[in-house]
Amino acid sequence: MLDPAQVHKVALLARLELASAEEEQYAKQMSSILDYFEQLSELDTEGIEPTTRAIDMSNITRHDNQASYQNLEGIYAAAPDRETDFFKVPKIMG
């Protein structure tokens, strides 16, 4: 079990100001966390591959197929301002 002096040392290293009551409280909490990790280290993980998720997931994506658009004049006609084959937009940089 961690004692308040160890918590105080960690708090100093992390530049945290803790009251003595908080050091007592955190000593108990941190000890229970470390005890839990000790329980986890007792598990047999031989032959188990590391994972990033608890369940198997994959992204559902579509294939990105390049295609030419046939109605370019329709797109240009919908633009608020145009110059030949370009869209004119407001100037944003000086």
C-alpha atoms as a PDB file:
ATOM      1  CA  MET A   1       0.000   0.000   0.000  1.00  0.00           C
ATOM      2  CA  LEU A   2       1.169   3.487  -0.798  1.00  0.00           C
ATOM      3  CA  ASP A   3       1.657   5.844   2.076  1.00  0.00           C
ATOM      4  CA  PRO A   4       0.934   9.599   2.084  1.00  0.00           C
ATOM      5  CA  ALA A   5       4.671  10.372   1.903  1.00  0.00           C
ATOM      6  CA  GLN A   6       4.925   8.612  -1.452  1.00  0.00           C
ATOM      7  CA  VAL A   7       1.866  10.495  -2.716  1.00  0.00           C
ATOM      8  CA  HIS A   8       3.451  13.729  -1.481  1.00  0.00           C
ATOM      9  CA  LYS A   9       6.629  12.966  -3.450  1.00  0.00           C
ATOM     10  CA  VAL A  10       4.630  12.247  -6.627  1.00  0.00           C
ATOM     11  CA  ALA A  11       2.615  15.436  -6.095  1.00  0.00           C
ATOM     12  CA  LEU A  12       5.832  17.454  -5.804  1.00  0.00           C
ATOM     13  CA  LEU A  13       7.180  15.937  -9.023  1.00  0.00           C
ATOM     14  CA  ALA A  14       3.893  16.767 -10.787  1.00  0.00           C
ATOM     15  CA  ARG A  15       3.886  20.275  -9.290  1.00  0.00           C
ATOM     16  CA  LEU A  16       0.590  19.662  -7.475  1.00  0.00           C
ATOM     17  CA  GLU A  17      -0.360  21.187  -4.166  1.00  0.00           C
ATOM     18  CA  LEU A  18      -2.203  18.654  -2.026  1.00  0.00           C
ATOM     19  CA  ALA A  19      -3.497  18.992   1.499  1.00  0.00           C
ATOM     20  CA  SER A  20      -2.554  16.221   3.918  1.00  0.00           C
ATOM     21  CA  ALA A  21      -6.156  14.943   3.845  1.00  0.00           C
ATOM     22  CA  GLU A  22      -5.939  14.687   0.047  1.00  0.00           C
ATOM     23  CA  GLU A  23      -2.643  12.810   0.317  1.00  0.00           C
ATOM     24  CA  GLU A  24      -4.331  10.271   2.597  1.00  0.00           C
ATOM     25  CA  GLN A  25      -7.284   9.951   0.220  1.00  0.00           C
ATOM     26  CA  TYR A  26      -5.106   9.578  -2.876  1.00  0.00           C
ATOM     27  CA  ALA A  27      -2.864   7.048  -1.127  1.00  0.00           C
ATOM     28  CA  LYS A  28      -5.886   4.775  -0.614  1.00  0.00           C
ATOM     29  CA  GLN A  29      -7.215   5.332  -4.140  1.00  0.00           C
ATOM     30  CA  MET A  30      -3.874   4.802  -5.849  1.00  0.00           C
ATOM     31  CA  SER A  31      -3.233   1.691  -3.772  1.00  0.00           C
ATOM     32  CA  SER A  32      -6.524   0.169  -4.910  1.00  0.00           C
ATOM     33  CA  ILE A  33      -5.654   0.954  -8.536  1.00  0.00           C
ATOM     34  CA  LEU A  34      -2.243  -0.698  -8.165  1.00  0.00           C
ATOM     35  CA  ASP A  35      -3.886  -3.711  -6.477  1.00  0.00           C
ATOM     36  CA  TYR A  36      -6.200  -4.058  -9.470  1.00  0.00           C
ATOM     37  CA  PHE A  37      -3.222  -4.016 -11.857  1.00  0.00           C
ATOM     38  CA  GLU A  38      -1.609  -6.679  -9.706  1.00  0.00           C
ATOM     39  CA  GLN A  39      -4.703  -8.850 -10.211  1.00  0.00           C
ATOM     40  CA  LEU A  40      -4.491  -8.292 -13.975  1.00  0.00           C
ATOM     41  CA  SER A  41      -0.851  -9.393 -14.032  1.00  0.00           C
ATOM     42  CA  GLU A  42      -1.937 -12.794 -12.671  1.00  0.00           C
ATOM     43  CA  LEU A  43      -3.948 -13.532 -15.844  1.00  0.00           C
ATOM     44  CA  ASP A  44      -2.509 -15.997 -18.323  1.00  0.00           C
ATOM     45  CA  THR A  45      -2.208 -14.062 -21.586  1.00  0.00           C
ATOM     46  CA  GLU A  46       0.003 -16.575 -23.381  1.00  0.00           C
ATOM     47  CA  GLY A  47      -0.980 -16.815 -27.032  1.00  0.00           C
ATOM     48  CA  ILE A  48      -3.385 -13.873 -26.920  1.00  0.00           C
ATOM     49  CA  GLU A  49      -2.723 -11.232 -29.552  1.00  0.00           C
ATOM     50  CA  PRO A  50      -2.682  -7.575 -28.444  1.00  0.00           C
ATOM     51  CA  THR A  51      -5.712  -5.598 -29.571  1.00  0.00           C
ATOM     52  CA  THR A  52      -6.788  -1.978 -29.698  1.00  0.00           C
ATOM     53  CA  ARG A  53     -10.468  -2.737 -29.008  1.00  0.00           C
ATOM     54  CA  ALA A  54     -12.380  -5.186 -26.889  1.00  0.00           C
ATOM     55  CA  ILE A  55     -14.594  -6.131 -29.827  1.00  0.00           C
ATOM     56  CA  ASP A  56     -13.710  -6.603 -33.500  1.00  0.00           C
ATOM     57  CA  MET A  57     -14.721  -3.592 -35.579  1.00  0.00           C
ATOM     58  CA  SER A  58     -14.031  -2.377 -39.078  1.00  0.00           C
ATOM     59  CA  ASN A  59     -14.895   0.763 -40.994  1.00  0.00           C
ATOM     60  CA  ILE A  60     -17.508   0.489 -43.673  1.00  0.00           C
ATOM     61  CA  THR A  61     -16.262   2.521 -46.602  1.00  0.00           C
ATOM     62  CA  ARG A  62     -17.169   2.676 -50.233  1.00  0.00           C
ATOM     63  CA  HIS A  63     -14.731   2.397 -53.095  1.00  0.00           C
ATOM     64  CA  ASP A  64     -13.667   5.765 -54.458  1.00  0.00           C
ATOM     65  CA  ASN A  65     -14.077   5.484 -58.205  1.00  0.00           C
ATOM     66  CA  GLN A  66     -12.975   8.374 -60.355  1.00  0.00           C
ATOM     67  CA  ALA A  67     -15.447   9.392 -63.045  1.00  0.00           C
ATOM     68  CA  SER A  68     -15.801  12.371 -65.324  1.00  0.00           C
ATOM     69  CA  TYR A  69     -18.888  14.526 -64.928  1.00  0.00           C
ATOM     70  CA  GLN A  70     -20.596  15.132 -68.242  1.00  0.00           C
ATOM     71  CA  ASN A  71     -22.686  18.223 -67.459  1.00  0.00           C
ATOM     72  CA  LEU A  72     -19.972  20.807 -66.673  1.00  0.00           C
ATOM     73  CA  GLU A  73     -22.026  23.667 -68.123  1.00  0.00           C
ATOM     74  CA  GLY A  74     -24.759  22.865 -65.609  1.00  0.00           C
ATOM     75  CA  ILE A  75     -22.264  23.197 -62.744  1.00  0.00           C
ATOM     76  CA  TYR A  76     -20.837  26.442 -64.137  1.00  0.00           C
ATOM     77  CA  ALA A  77     -24.343  27.844 -64.592  1.00  0.00           C
ATOM     78  CA  ALA A  78     -25.095  27.251 -60.906  1.00  0.00           C
ATOM     79  CA  ALA A  79     -22.003  29.196 -59.767  1.00  0.00           C
ATOM     80  CA  PRO A  80     -22.667  32.738 -58.508  1.00  0.00           C
ATOM     81  CA  ASP A  81     -19.660  34.150 -60.402  1.00  0.00           C
ATOM     82  CA  ARG A  82     -17.531  32.553 -63.091  1.00  0.00           C
ATOM     83  CA  GLU A  83     -14.711  33.351 -65.485  1.00  0.00           C
ATOM     84  CA  THR A  84     -14.372  30.824 -68.342  1.00  0.00           C
ATOM     85  CA  ASP A  85     -13.830  27.409 -66.680  1.00  0.00           C
ATOM     86  CA  PHE A  86     -13.126  28.805 -63.190  1.00  0.00           C
ATOM     87  CA  PHE A  87     -15.232  29.844 -60.212  1.00  0.00           C
ATOM     88  CA  LYS A  88     -14.619  33.364 -58.960  1.00  0.00           C
ATOM     89  CA  VAL A  89     -14.565  33.694 -55.196  1.00  0.00           C
ATOM     90  CA  PRO A  90     -13.949  36.657 -52.869  1.00  0.00           C
ATOM     91  CA  LYS A  91     -10.330  37.449 -52.123  1.00  0.00           C
ATOM     92  CA  ILE A  92      -9.389  36.192 -48.656  1.00  0.00           C
ATOM     93  CA  MET A  93      -5.738  37.202 -48.388  1.00  0.00           C
ATOM     94  CA  GLY A  94      -4.256  40.704 -48.681  1.00  0.00           C
END
